[in-house]
């Protein structure tokens, strides 16, 4: 596995598509991908698959909320990362997805998608 920025594999869904409604999707991807990789220490495949998922779409919604409050794109992505790293995986989410309880939300979901990529 590599830790370089991978392009989206799903332009019609997830973070990429959702971010195109409020920003240049390529620019948003170029900022979010390495920032998420750095904070979660996830693989490039795990980060890409997270961003391409429904969870990536929700992450983009959070970025959009930041932009709506007046933040620039990079600041909105950083704020969303901070928020998602502050949330913890609870018992129900752990049971539903098999992610260890107590992990930061962003780390847990990137890790889940990393494991799923390795299993393919």
PDB file of N, CA and C in Angstrom:
ATOM      1  N   UNK A   1       0.827  -1.182   0.000  1.00  0.00           N
ATOM      2  CA  UNK A   1       0.000   0.000   0.000  1.00  0.00           C
ATOM      3  C   UNK A   1       0.866   1.238   0.000  1.00  0.00           C
ATOM      4  N   UNK A   2       0.318   2.283  -0.593  1.00  0.00           N
ATOM      5  CA  UNK A   2       1.045   3.534  -0.684  1.00  0.00           C
ATOM      6  C   UNK A   2       0.350   4.591   0.152  1.00  0.00           C
ATOM      7  N   UNK A   3       1.041   5.672   0.392  1.00  0.00           N
ATOM      8  CA  UNK A   3       0.431   6.785   1.087  1.00  0.00           C
ATOM      9  C   UNK A   3       0.377   8.020   0.200  1.00  0.00           C
ATOM     10  N   UNK A   4       0.313   7.829  -1.120  1.00  0.00           N
ATOM     11  CA  UNK A   4       0.147   8.949  -2.027  1.00  0.00           C
ATOM     12  C   UNK A   4      -1.334   9.244  -2.191  1.00  0.00           C
ATOM     13  N   UNK A   5      -1.645  10.408  -2.743  1.00  0.00           N
ATOM     14  CA  UNK A   5      -3.031  10.769  -2.985  1.00  0.00           C
ATOM     15  C   UNK A   5      -3.544  10.001  -4.191  1.00  0.00           C
ATOM     16  N   UNK A   6      -4.596   9.259  -3.989  1.00  0.00           N
ATOM     17  CA  UNK A   6      -5.240   8.520  -5.077  1.00  0.00           C
ATOM     18  C   UNK A   6      -6.428   9.322  -5.593  1.00  0.00           C
ATOM     19  N   UNK A   7      -6.738   9.207  -6.867  1.00  0.00           N
ATOM     20  CA  UNK A   7      -7.946   9.876  -7.366  1.00  0.00           C
ATOM     21  C   UNK A   7      -9.191   9.148  -6.879  1.00  0.00           C
ATOM     22  N   UNK A   8     -10.294   9.843  -6.897  1.00  0.00           N
ATOM     23  CA  UNK A   8     -11.553   9.202  -6.538  1.00  0.00           C
ATOM     24  C   UNK A   8     -11.842   8.058  -7.502  1.00  0.00           C
ATOM     25  N   UNK A   9     -12.467   7.036  -6.994  1.00  0.00           N
ATOM     26  CA  UNK A   9     -12.933   5.925  -7.829  1.00  0.00           C
ATOM     27  C   UNK A   9     -14.449   6.009  -7.992  1.00  0.00           C
ATOM     28  N   UNK A  10     -15.033   7.119  -7.533  1.00  0.00           N
ATOM     29  CA  UNK A  10     -16.482   7.247  -7.526  1.00  0.00           C
ATOM     30  C   UNK A  10     -16.867   8.723  -7.634  1.00  0.00           C
ATOM     31  N   UNK A  11     -16.781   9.279  -8.828  1.00  0.00           N
ATOM     32  CA  UNK A  11     -17.098  10.697  -9.011  1.00  0.00           C
ATOM     33  C   UNK A  11     -18.577  11.016  -8.821  1.00  0.00           C
ATOM     34  N   UNK A  12     -19.427  10.011  -8.849  1.00  0.00           N
ATOM     35  CA  UNK A  12     -20.863  10.245  -8.768  1.00  0.00           C
ATOM     36  C   UNK A  12     -21.414  10.192  -7.347  1.00  0.00           C
ATOM     37  N   UNK A  13     -20.584   9.907  -6.360  1.00  0.00           N
ATOM     38  CA  UNK A  13     -21.070   9.689  -5.011  1.00  0.00           C
ATOM     39  C   UNK A  13     -19.989  10.080  -4.021  1.00  0.00           C
ATOM     40  N   UNK A  14     -20.272  10.060  -2.770  1.00  0.00           N
ATOM     41  CA  UNK A  14     -19.267  10.297  -1.744  1.00  0.00           C
ATOM     42  C   UNK A  14     -18.814  11.742  -1.663  1.00  0.00           C
ATOM     43  N   UNK A  15     -17.628  11.921  -1.121  1.00  0.00           N
ATOM     44  CA  UNK A  15     -17.072  13.249  -0.887  1.00  0.00           C
ATOM     45  C   UNK A  15     -16.935  14.039  -2.173  1.00  0.00           C
ATOM     46  N   UNK A  16     -16.410  13.419  -3.218  1.00  0.00           N
ATOM     47  CA  UNK A  16     -16.116  14.121  -4.458  1.00  0.00           C
ATOM     48  C   UNK A  16     -17.369  14.752  -5.050  1.00  0.00           C
ATOM     49  N   UNK A  17     -18.394  13.959  -5.222  1.00  0.00           N
ATOM     50  CA  UNK A  17     -19.632  14.460  -5.812  1.00  0.00           C
ATOM     51  C   UNK A  17     -20.285  15.513  -4.925  1.00  0.00           C
ATOM     52  N   UNK A  18     -20.351  15.252  -3.643  1.00  0.00           N
ATOM     53  CA  UNK A  18     -20.998  16.176  -2.724  1.00  0.00           C
ATOM     54  C   UNK A  18     -20.246  17.503  -2.660  1.00  0.00           C
ATOM     55  N   UNK A  19     -18.918  17.442  -2.643  1.00  0.00           N
ATOM     56  CA  UNK A  19     -18.146  18.684  -2.559  1.00  0.00           C
ATOM     57  C   UNK A  19     -18.257  19.522  -3.828  1.00  0.00           C
ATOM     58  N   UNK A  20     -18.594  18.897  -4.952  1.00  0.00           N
ATOM     59  CA  UNK A  20     -18.736  19.658  -6.196  1.00  0.00           C
ATOM     60  C   UNK A  20     -19.904  20.629  -6.140  1.00  0.00           C
ATOM     61  N   UNK A  21     -20.803  20.454  -5.185  1.00  0.00           N
ATOM     62  CA  UNK A  21     -21.943  21.360  -5.035  1.00  0.00           C
ATOM     63  C   UNK A  21     -21.551  22.678  -4.372  1.00  0.00           C
ATOM     64  N   UNK A  22     -20.402  22.723  -3.698  1.00  0.00           N
ATOM     65  CA  UNK A  22     -20.028  23.935  -2.975  1.00  0.00           C
ATOM     66  C   UNK A  22     -18.579  24.365  -3.192  1.00  0.00           C
ATOM     67  N   UNK A  23     -17.819  23.593  -3.938  1.00  0.00           N
ATOM     68  CA  UNK A  23     -16.402  23.924  -4.171  1.00  0.00           C
ATOM     69  C   UNK A  23     -15.927  23.191  -5.416  1.00  0.00           C
ATOM     70  N   UNK A  24     -14.727  23.486  -5.829  1.00  0.00           N
ATOM     71  CA  UNK A  24     -14.093  22.710  -6.890  1.00  0.00           C
ATOM     72  C   UNK A  24     -13.754  21.347  -6.287  1.00  0.00           C
ATOM     73  N   UNK A  25     -14.362  20.288  -6.816  1.00  0.00           N
ATOM     74  CA  UNK A  25     -14.210  18.956  -6.231  1.00  0.00           C
ATOM     75  C   UNK A  25     -12.757  18.491  -6.248  1.00  0.00           C
ATOM     76  N   UNK A  26     -12.021  18.790  -7.306  1.00  0.00           N
ATOM     77  CA  UNK A  26     -10.611  18.393  -7.366  1.00  0.00           C
ATOM     78  C   UNK A  26      -9.794  19.103  -6.294  1.00  0.00           C
ATOM     79  N   UNK A  27     -10.071  20.387  -6.087  1.00  0.00           N
ATOM     80  CA  UNK A  27      -9.356  21.142  -5.053  1.00  0.00           C
ATOM     81  C   UNK A  27      -9.695  20.610  -3.665  1.00  0.00           C
ATOM     82  N   UNK A  28     -10.971  20.330  -3.431  1.00  0.00           N
ATOM     83  CA  UNK A  28     -11.377  19.800  -2.121  1.00  0.00           C
ATOM     84  C   UNK A  28     -10.719  18.449  -1.873  1.00  0.00           C
ATOM     85  N   UNK A  29     -10.700  17.594  -2.886  1.00  0.00           N
ATOM     86  CA  UNK A  29     -10.070  16.279  -2.764  1.00  0.00           C
ATOM     87  C   UNK A  29      -8.583  16.434  -2.458  1.00  0.00           C
ATOM     88  N   UNK A  30      -7.929  17.348  -3.163  1.00  0.00           N
ATOM     89  CA  UNK A  30      -6.487  17.556  -2.993  1.00  0.00           C
ATOM     90  C   UNK A  30      -6.129  18.062  -1.593  1.00  0.00           C
ATOM     91  N   UNK A  31      -7.047  18.733  -0.937  1.00  0.00           N
ATOM     92  CA  UNK A  31      -6.816  19.202   0.434  1.00  0.00           C
ATOM     93  C   UNK A  31      -7.192  18.119   1.445  1.00  0.00           C
ATOM     94  N   UNK A  32      -8.366  17.521   1.261  1.00  0.00           N
ATOM     95  CA  UNK A  32      -8.880  16.572   2.249  1.00  0.00           C
ATOM     96  C   UNK A  32      -8.064  15.287   2.299  1.00  0.00           C
ATOM     97  N   UNK A  33      -7.700  14.755   1.148  1.00  0.00           N
ATOM     98  CA  UNK A  33      -7.043  13.450   1.109  1.00  0.00           C
ATOM     99  C   UNK A  33      -5.761  13.415   1.941  1.00  0.00           C
ATOM    100  N   UNK A  34      -4.788  14.295   1.694  1.00  0.00           N
ATOM    101  CA  UNK A  34      -3.563  14.216   2.507  1.00  0.00           C
ATOM    102  C   UNK A  34      -3.784  14.598   3.971  1.00  0.00           C
ATOM    103  N   UNK A  35      -4.731  15.490   4.228  1.00  0.00           N
ATOM    104  CA  UNK A  35      -4.997  15.885   5.617  1.00  0.00           C
ATOM    105  C   UNK A  35      -5.574  14.713   6.412  1.00  0.00           C
ATOM    106  N   UNK A  36      -6.496  13.971   5.810  1.00  0.00           N
ATOM    107  CA  UNK A  36      -7.084  12.810   6.484  1.00  0.00           C
ATOM    108  C   UNK A  36      -6.040  11.706   6.631  1.00  0.00           C
ATOM    109  N   UNK A  37      -5.233  11.511   5.600  1.00  0.00           N
ATOM    110  CA  UNK A  37      -4.172  10.507   5.671  1.00  0.00           C
ATOM    111  C   UNK A  37      -3.223  10.809   6.828  1.00  0.00           C
ATOM    112  N   UNK A  38      -2.855  12.066   6.959  1.00  0.00           N
ATOM    113  CA  UNK A  38      -1.909  12.460   8.001  1.00  0.00           C
ATOM    114  C   UNK A  38      -2.483  12.241   9.406  1.00  0.00           C
ATOM    115  N   UNK A  39      -3.710  12.664   9.628  1.00  0.00           N
ATOM    116  CA  UNK A  39      -4.268  12.597  10.978  1.00  0.00           C
ATOM    117  C   UNK A  39      -4.667  11.177  11.377  1.00  0.00           C
ATOM    118  N   UNK A  40      -5.088  10.360  10.409  1.00  0.00           N
ATOM    119  CA  UNK A  40      -5.522   8.997  10.739  1.00  0.00           C
ATOM    120  C   UNK A  40      -4.404   7.975  10.563  1.00  0.00           C
ATOM    121  N   UNK A  41      -3.334   8.357   9.886  1.00  0.00           N
ATOM    122  CA  UNK A  41      -2.244   7.456   9.525  1.00  0.00           C
ATOM    123  C   UNK A  41      -2.812   6.264   8.720  1.00  0.00           C
ATOM    124  N   UNK A  42      -3.850   6.544   7.962  1.00  0.00           N
ATOM    125  CA  UNK A  42      -4.475   5.514   7.146  1.00  0.00           C
ATOM    126  C   UNK A  42      -3.759   5.335   5.827  1.00  0.00           C
ATOM    127  N   UNK A  43      -4.036   4.221   5.189  1.00  0.00           N
ATOM    128  CA  UNK A  43      -3.467   3.968   3.866  1.00  0.00           C
ATOM    129  C   UNK A  43      -4.201   4.819   2.829  1.00  0.00           C
ATOM    130  N   UNK A  44      -3.563   5.008   1.694  1.00  0.00           N
ATOM    131  CA  UNK A  44      -4.194   5.758   0.613  1.00  0.00           C
ATOM    132  C   UNK A  44      -5.490   5.081   0.174  1.00  0.00           C
ATOM    133  N   UNK A  45      -5.478   3.764   0.131  1.00  0.00           N
ATOM    134  CA  UNK A  45      -6.679   3.031  -0.277  1.00  0.00           C
ATOM    135  C   UNK A  45      -7.811   3.207   0.738  1.00  0.00           C
ATOM    136  N   UNK A  46      -7.474   3.175   2.017  1.00  0.00           N
ATOM    137  CA  UNK A  46      -8.485   3.364   3.053  1.00  0.00           C
ATOM    138  C   UNK A  46      -9.093   4.751   3.022  1.00  0.00           C
ATOM    139  N   UNK A  47      -8.246   5.766   2.830  1.00  0.00           N
ATOM    140  CA  UNK A  47      -8.745   7.145   2.766  1.00  0.00           C
ATOM    141  C   UNK A  47      -9.612   7.326   1.524  1.00  0.00           C
ATOM    142  N   UNK A  48      -9.144   6.837   0.370  1.00  0.00           N
ATOM    143  CA  UNK A  48      -9.942   6.958  -0.857  1.00  0.00           C
ATOM    144  C   UNK A  48     -11.295   6.278  -0.695  1.00  0.00           C
ATOM    145  N   UNK A  49     -11.291   5.067  -0.174  1.00  0.00           N
ATOM    146  CA  UNK A  49     -12.546   4.331  -0.044  1.00  0.00           C
ATOM    147  C   UNK A  49     -13.476   4.975   0.986  1.00  0.00           C
ATOM    148  N   UNK A  50     -12.909   5.540   2.040  1.00  0.00           N
ATOM    149  CA  UNK A  50     -13.718   6.302   3.000  1.00  0.00           C
ATOM    150  C   UNK A  50     -14.361   7.496   2.304  1.00  0.00           C
ATOM    151  N   UNK A  51     -13.552   8.279   1.595  1.00  0.00           N
ATOM    152  CA  UNK A  51     -14.084   9.468   0.936  1.00  0.00           C
ATOM    153  C   UNK A  51     -15.107   9.109  -0.149  1.00  0.00           C
ATOM    154  N   UNK A  52     -14.944   7.976  -0.789  1.00  0.00           N
ATOM    155  CA  UNK A  52     -15.873   7.544  -1.833  1.00  0.00           C
ATOM    156  C   UNK A  52     -17.166   6.928  -1.278  1.00  0.00           C
ATOM    157  N   UNK A  53     -17.241   6.739   0.021  1.00  0.00           N
ATOM    158  CA  UNK A  53     -18.381   6.066   0.645  1.00  0.00           C
ATOM    159  C   UNK A  53     -19.455   7.060   1.096  1.00  0.00           C
ATOM    160  N   UNK A  54     -20.520   6.498   1.652  1.00  0.00           N
ATOM    161  CA  UNK A  54     -21.564   7.357   2.224  1.00  0.00           C
ATOM    162  C   UNK A  54     -21.011   8.165   3.394  1.00  0.00           C
ATOM    163  N   UNK A  55     -20.025   7.613   4.099  1.00  0.00           N
ATOM    164  CA  UNK A  55     -19.412   8.362   5.199  1.00  0.00           C
ATOM    165  C   UNK A  55     -18.632   9.557   4.656  1.00  0.00           C
ATOM    166  N   UNK A  56     -18.018   9.392   3.493  1.00  0.00           N
ATOM    167  CA  UNK A  56     -17.346  10.506   2.835  1.00  0.00           C
ATOM    168  C   UNK A  56     -18.324  11.597   2.431  1.00  0.00           C
ATOM    169  N   UNK A  57     -19.511  11.192   2.009  1.00  0.00           N
ATOM    170  CA  UNK A  57     -20.560  12.159   1.679  1.00  0.00           C
ATOM    171  C   UNK A  57     -20.947  12.948   2.918  1.00  0.00           C
ATOM    172  N   UNK A  58     -21.077  12.271   4.052  1.00  0.00           N
ATOM    173  CA  UNK A  58     -21.407  12.959   5.300  1.00  0.00           C
ATOM    174  C   UNK A  58     -20.264  13.886   5.724  1.00  0.00           C
ATOM    175  N   UNK A  59     -19.028  13.440   5.499  1.00  0.00           N
ATOM    176  CA  UNK A  59     -17.881  14.299   5.806  1.00  0.00           C
ATOM    177  C   UNK A  59     -17.946  15.568   4.950  1.00  0.00           C
ATOM    178  N   UNK A  60     -18.270  15.414   3.659  1.00  0.00           N
ATOM    179  CA  UNK A  60     -18.399  16.577   2.778  1.00  0.00           C
ATOM    180  C   UNK A  60     -19.511  17.509   3.256  1.00  0.00           C
ATOM    181  N   UNK A  61     -20.607  16.943   3.747  1.00  0.00           N
ATOM    182  CA  UNK A  61     -21.681  17.777   4.298  1.00  0.00           C
ATOM    183  C   UNK A  61     -21.162  18.615   5.463  1.00  0.00           C
ATOM    184  N   UNK A  62     -20.311  18.022   6.284  1.00  0.00           N
ATOM    185  CA  UNK A  62     -19.729  18.736   7.416  1.00  0.00           C
ATOM    186  C   UNK A  62     -18.817  19.856   6.914  1.00  0.00           C
ATOM    187  N   UNK A  63     -18.039  19.591   5.871  1.00  0.00           N
ATOM    188  CA  UNK A  63     -17.192  20.635   5.267  1.00  0.00           C
ATOM    189  C   UNK A  63     -18.081  21.763   4.741  1.00  0.00           C
ATOM    190  N   UNK A  64     -19.167  21.397   4.083  1.00  0.00           N
ATOM    191  CA  UNK A  64     -20.086  22.402   3.548  1.00  0.00           C
ATOM    192  C   UNK A  64     -20.655  23.276   4.665  1.00  0.00           C
ATOM    193  N   UNK A  65     -20.969  22.668   5.799  1.00  0.00           N
ATOM    194  CA  UNK A  65     -21.463  23.448   6.943  1.00  0.00           C
ATOM    195  C   UNK A  65     -20.432  24.483   7.360  1.00  0.00           C
ATOM    196  N   UNK A  66     -19.151  24.100   7.355  1.00  0.00           N
ATOM    197  CA  UNK A  66     -18.099  25.055   7.699  1.00  0.00           C
ATOM    198  C   UNK A  66     -18.002  26.193   6.709  1.00  0.00           C
ATOM    199  N   UNK A  67     -18.118  25.883   5.438  1.00  0.00           N
ATOM    200  CA  UNK A  67     -18.084  26.923   4.411  1.00  0.00           C
ATOM    201  C   UNK A  67     -19.285  27.856   4.579  1.00  0.00           C
ATOM    202  N   UNK A  68     -20.419  27.278   4.905  1.00  0.00           N
ATOM    203  CA  UNK A  68     -21.633  28.075   5.109  1.00  0.00           C
ATOM    204  C   UNK A  68     -21.464  29.073   6.257  1.00  0.00           C
ATOM    205  N   UNK A  69     -20.641  28.735   7.248  1.00  0.00           N
ATOM    206  CA  UNK A  69     -20.407  29.655   8.362  1.00  0.00           C
ATOM    207  C   UNK A  69     -19.339  30.691   8.046  1.00  0.00           C
ATOM    208  N   UNK A  70     -18.753  30.614   6.845  1.00  0.00           N
ATOM    209  CA  UNK A  70     -17.784  31.630   6.439  1.00  0.00           C
ATOM    210  C   UNK A  70     -16.345  31.156   6.364  1.00  0.00           C
ATOM    211  N   UNK A  71     -16.081  29.898   6.654  1.00  0.00           N
ATOM    212  CA  UNK A  71     -14.716  29.376   6.555  1.00  0.00           C
ATOM    213  C   UNK A  71     -14.332  29.166   5.100  1.00  0.00           C
ATOM    214  N   UNK A  72     -13.060  29.302   4.807  1.00  0.00           N
ATOM    215  CA  UNK A  72     -12.555  28.927   3.496  1.00  0.00           C
ATOM    216  C   UNK A  72     -12.507  27.412   3.396  1.00  0.00           C
ATOM    217  N   UNK A  73     -12.249  26.904   2.198  1.00  0.00           N
ATOM    218  CA  UNK A  73     -12.279  25.469   1.972  1.00  0.00           C
ATOM    219  C   UNK A  73     -11.302  24.719   2.868  1.00  0.00           C
ATOM    220  N   UNK A  74     -10.062  25.151   2.922  1.00  0.00           N
ATOM    221  CA  UNK A  74      -9.072  24.439   3.741  1.00  0.00           C
ATOM    222  C   UNK A  74      -9.437  24.484   5.221  1.00  0.00           C
ATOM    223  N   UNK A  75      -9.873  25.634   5.697  1.00  0.00           N
ATOM    224  CA  UNK A  75     -10.267  25.766   7.107  1.00  0.00           C
ATOM    225  C   UNK A  75     -11.498  24.913   7.410  1.00  0.00           C
ATOM    226  N   UNK A  76     -12.432  24.833   6.465  1.00  0.00           N
ATOM    227  CA  UNK A  76     -13.625  24.016   6.670  1.00  0.00           C
ATOM    228  C   UNK A  76     -13.268  22.530   6.723  1.00  0.00           C
ATOM    229  N   UNK A  77     -12.329  22.109   5.887  1.00  0.00           N
ATOM    230  CA  UNK A  77     -11.876  20.711   5.922  1.00  0.00           C
ATOM    231  C   UNK A  77     -11.168  20.430   7.239  1.00  0.00           C
ATOM    232  N   UNK A  78     -10.310  21.351   7.665  1.00  0.00           N
ATOM    233  CA  UNK A  78      -9.617  21.168   8.944  1.00  0.00           C
ATOM    234  C   UNK A  78     -10.603  21.106  10.111  1.00  0.00           C
ATOM    235  N   UNK A  79     -11.631  21.944  10.067  1.00  0.00           N
ATOM    236  CA  UNK A  79     -12.633  21.941  11.137  1.00  0.00           C
ATOM    237  C   UNK A  79     -13.405  20.620  11.148  1.00  0.00           C
ATOM    238  N   UNK A  80     -13.744  20.103   9.972  1.00  0.00           N
ATOM    239  CA  UNK A  80     -14.455  18.823   9.899  1.00  0.00           C
ATOM    240  C   UNK A  80     -13.568  17.693  10.421  1.00  0.00           C
ATOM    241  N   UNK A  81     -12.294  17.716  10.070  1.00  0.00           N
ATOM    242  CA  UNK A  81     -11.361  16.695  10.562  1.00  0.00           C
ATOM    243  C   UNK A  81     -11.294  16.752  12.085  1.00  0.00           C
ATOM    244  N   UNK A  82     -11.164  17.941  12.621  1.00  0.00           N
ATOM    245  CA  UNK A  82     -11.087  18.100  14.074  1.00  0.00           C
ATOM    246  C   UNK A  82     -12.353  17.558  14.743  1.00  0.00           C
ATOM    247  N   UNK A  83     -13.505  17.878  14.162  1.00  0.00           N
ATOM    248  CA  UNK A  83     -14.766  17.410  14.731  1.00  0.00           C
ATOM    249  C   UNK A  83     -14.852  15.880  14.660  1.00  0.00           C
ATOM    250  N   UNK A  84     -14.530  15.302  13.507  1.00  0.00           N
ATOM    251  CA  UNK A  84     -14.627  13.842  13.341  1.00  0.00           C
ATOM    252  C   UNK A  84     -13.595  13.105  14.188  1.00  0.00           C
ATOM    253  N   UNK A  85     -12.464  13.724  14.460  1.00  0.00           N
ATOM    254  CA  UNK A  85     -11.470  13.108  15.342  1.00  0.00           C
ATOM    255  C   UNK A  85     -11.889  13.235  16.801  1.00  0.00           C
ATOM    256  N   UNK A  86     -12.727  14.208  17.115  1.00  0.00           N
ATOM    257  CA  UNK A  86     -13.217  14.384  18.479  1.00  0.00           C
ATOM    258  C   UNK A  86     -14.349  13.437  18.843  1.00  0.00           C
ATOM    259  N   UNK A  87     -15.119  13.018  17.848  1.00  0.00           N
ATOM    260  CA  UNK A  87     -16.180  12.045  18.094  1.00  0.00           C
ATOM    261  C   UNK A  87     -15.554  10.679  18.310  1.00  0.00           C
ATOM    262  N   UNK A  88     -16.150   9.886  19.163  1.00  0.00           N
ATOM    263  CA  UNK A  88     -15.638   8.540  19.454  1.00  0.00           C
ATOM    264  C   UNK A  88     -16.635   7.479  18.989  1.00  0.00           C
ATOM    265  N   UNK A  89     -16.091   6.350  18.551  1.00  0.00           N
ATOM    266  CA  UNK A  89     -16.922   5.217  18.167  1.00  0.00           C
ATOM    267  C   UNK A  89     -17.639   4.718  19.419  1.00  0.00           C
ATOM    268  N   UNK A  90     -18.961   4.680  19.354  1.00  0.00           N
ATOM    269  CA  UNK A  90     -19.727   4.207  20.509  1.00  0.00           C
ATOM    270  C   UNK A  90     -20.016   2.712  20.382  1.00  0.00           C
ATOM    271  N   UNK A  91     -20.674   2.179  21.380  1.00  0.00           N
ATOM    272  CA  UNK A  91     -20.941   0.739  21.428  1.00  0.00           C
ATOM    273  C   UNK A  91     -21.775   0.270  20.243  1.00  0.00           C
ATOM    274  N   UNK A  92     -22.802   1.033  19.872  1.00  0.00           N
ATOM    275  CA  UNK A  92     -23.660   0.621  18.753  1.00  0.00           C
ATOM    276  C   UNK A  92     -22.902   0.629  17.428  1.00  0.00           C
ATOM    277  N   UNK A  93     -22.119   1.658  17.191  1.00  0.00           N
ATOM    278  CA  UNK A  93     -21.329   1.731  15.959  1.00  0.00           C
ATOM    279  C   UNK A  93     -20.290   0.628  15.943  1.00  0.00           C
ATOM    280  N   UNK A  94     -19.687   0.354  17.080  1.00  0.00           N
ATOM    281  CA  UNK A  94     -18.705  -0.735  17.171  1.00  0.00           C
ATOM    282  C   UNK A  94     -19.354  -2.064  16.826  1.00  0.00           C
ATOM    283  N   UNK A  95     -20.522  -2.285  17.343  1.00  0.00           N
ATOM    284  CA  UNK A  95     -21.236  -3.531  17.083  1.00  0.00           C
ATOM    285  C   UNK A  95     -21.659  -3.630  15.614  1.00  0.00           C
ATOM    286  N   UNK A  96     -22.156  -2.540  15.064  1.00  0.00           N
ATOM    287  CA  UNK A  96     -22.662  -2.533  13.693  1.00  0.00           C
ATOM    288  C   UNK A  96     -21.555  -2.695  12.649  1.00  0.00           C
ATOM    289  N   UNK A  97     -20.408  -2.049  12.894  1.00  0.00           N
ATOM    290  CA  UNK A  97     -19.348  -2.012  11.883  1.00  0.00           C
ATOM    291  C   UNK A  97     -18.099  -2.812  12.251  1.00  0.00           C
ATOM    292  N   UNK A  98     -17.998  -3.243  13.501  1.00  0.00           N
ATOM    293  CA  UNK A  98     -16.809  -3.979  13.921  1.00  0.00           C
ATOM    294  C   UNK A  98     -15.602  -3.098  14.171  1.00  0.00           C
ATOM    295  N   UNK A  99     -15.847  -1.823  14.411  1.00  0.00           N
ATOM    296  CA  UNK A  99     -14.768  -0.877  14.720  1.00  0.00           C
ATOM    297  C   UNK A  99     -14.628  -0.827  16.238  1.00  0.00           C
ATOM    298  N   UNK A 100     -13.411  -0.895  16.763  1.00  0.00           N
ATOM    299  CA  UNK A 100     -13.253  -0.858  18.220  1.00  0.00           C
ATOM    300  C   UNK A 100     -13.855   0.396  18.851  1.00  0.00           C
ATOM    301  N   UNK A 101     -14.606   0.189  19.912  1.00  0.00           N
ATOM    302  CA  UNK A 101     -15.219   1.276  20.670  1.00  0.00           C
ATOM    303  C   UNK A 101     -14.129   2.197  21.209  1.00  0.00           C
ATOM    304  N   UNK A 102     -14.395   3.490  21.150  1.00  0.00           N
ATOM    305  CA  UNK A 102     -13.494   4.484  21.714  1.00  0.00           C
ATOM    306  C   UNK A 102     -12.534   5.106  20.718  1.00  0.00           C
ATOM    307  N   UNK A 103     -12.381   4.516  19.540  1.00  0.00           N
ATOM    308  CA  UNK A 103     -11.517   5.122  18.526  1.00  0.00           C
ATOM    309  C   UNK A 103     -12.126   6.433  18.040  1.00  0.00           C
ATOM    310  N   UNK A 104     -11.292   7.380  17.619  1.00  0.00           N
ATOM    311  CA  UNK A 104     -11.855   8.563  16.967  1.00  0.00           C
ATOM    312  C   UNK A 104     -12.649   8.128  15.731  1.00  0.00           C
ATOM    313  N   UNK A 105     -13.757   8.771  15.497  1.00  0.00           N
ATOM    314  CA  UNK A 105     -14.668   8.405  14.416  1.00  0.00           C
ATOM    315  C   UNK A 105     -13.947   8.338  13.064  1.00  0.00           C
ATOM    316  N   UNK A 106     -13.179   9.351  12.744  1.00  0.00           N
ATOM    317  CA  UNK A 106     -12.502   9.396  11.449  1.00  0.00           C
ATOM    318  C   UNK A 106     -11.482   8.268  11.331  1.00  0.00           C
ATOM    319  N   UNK A 107     -10.706   8.053  12.354  1.00  0.00           N
ATOM    320  CA  UNK A 107      -9.721   6.964  12.353  1.00  0.00           C
ATOM    321  C   UNK A 107     -10.414   5.617  12.200  1.00  0.00           C
ATOM    322  N   UNK A 108     -11.507   5.432  12.907  1.00  0.00           N
ATOM    323  CA  UNK A 108     -12.228   4.168  12.859  1.00  0.00           C
ATOM    324  C   UNK A 108     -12.767   3.859  11.479  1.00  0.00           C
ATOM    325  N   UNK A 109     -13.379   4.841  10.828  1.00  0.00           N
ATOM    326  CA  UNK A 109     -13.954   4.567   9.511  1.00  0.00           C
ATOM    327  C   UNK A 109     -12.901   4.455   8.425  1.00  0.00           C
ATOM    328  N   UNK A 110     -11.848   5.251   8.489  1.00  0.00           N
ATOM    329  CA  UNK A 110     -10.759   5.069   7.519  1.00  0.00           C
ATOM    330  C   UNK A 110     -10.150   3.682   7.709  1.00  0.00           C
ATOM    331  N   UNK A 111      -9.958   3.265   8.952  1.00  0.00           N
ATOM    332  CA  UNK A 111      -9.428   1.926   9.231  1.00  0.00           C
ATOM    333  C   UNK A 111     -10.341   0.825   8.714  1.00  0.00           C
ATOM    334  N   UNK A 112     -11.645   1.005   8.867  1.00  0.00           N
ATOM    335  CA  UNK A 112     -12.605   0.027   8.363  1.00  0.00           C
ATOM    336  C   UNK A 112     -12.465  -0.122   6.849  1.00  0.00           C
ATOM    337  N   UNK A 113     -12.401   0.995   6.140  1.00  0.00           N
ATOM    338  CA  UNK A 113     -12.282   0.931   4.684  1.00  0.00           C
ATOM    339  C   UNK A 113     -10.913   0.410   4.255  1.00  0.00           C
ATOM    340  N   UNK A 114      -9.889   0.653   5.052  1.00  0.00           N
ATOM    341  CA  UNK A 114      -8.560   0.103   4.773  1.00  0.00           C
ATOM    342  C   UNK A 114      -8.591  -1.436   4.862  1.00  0.00           C
ATOM    343  N   UNK A 115      -9.217  -1.936   5.903  1.00  0.00           N
ATOM    344  CA  UNK A 115      -9.340  -3.394   6.069  1.00  0.00           C
ATOM    345  C   UNK A 115     -10.147  -4.006   4.942  1.00  0.00           C
ATOM    346  N   UNK A 116     -11.225  -3.351   4.571  1.00  0.00           N
ATOM    347  CA  UNK A 116     -12.050  -3.869   3.480  1.00  0.00           C
ATOM    348  C   UNK A 116     -11.274  -3.873   2.161  1.00  0.00           C
ATOM    349  N   UNK A 117     -10.433  -2.858   1.920  1.00  0.00           N
ATOM    350  CA  UNK A 117      -9.616  -2.832   0.702  1.00  0.00           C
ATOM    351  C   UNK A 117      -8.602  -3.954   0.697  1.00  0.00           C
ATOM    352  N   UNK A 118      -7.999  -4.236   1.862  1.00  0.00           N
ATOM    353  CA  UNK A 118      -7.025  -5.311   1.955  1.00  0.00           C
ATOM    354  C   UNK A 118      -7.661  -6.670   1.738  1.00  0.00           C
ATOM    355  N   UNK A 119      -8.924  -6.803   2.122  1.00  0.00           N
ATOM    356  CA  UNK A 119      -9.617  -8.083   2.001  1.00  0.00           C
ATOM    357  C   UNK A 119     -10.022  -8.408   0.562  1.00  0.00           C
ATOM    358  N   UNK A 120     -10.023  -7.403  -0.296  1.00  0.00           N
ATOM    359  CA  UNK A 120     -10.436  -7.639  -1.690  1.00  0.00           C
ATOM    360  C   UNK A 120      -9.376  -8.342  -2.488  1.00  0.00           C
TER     361      UNK A 120
END
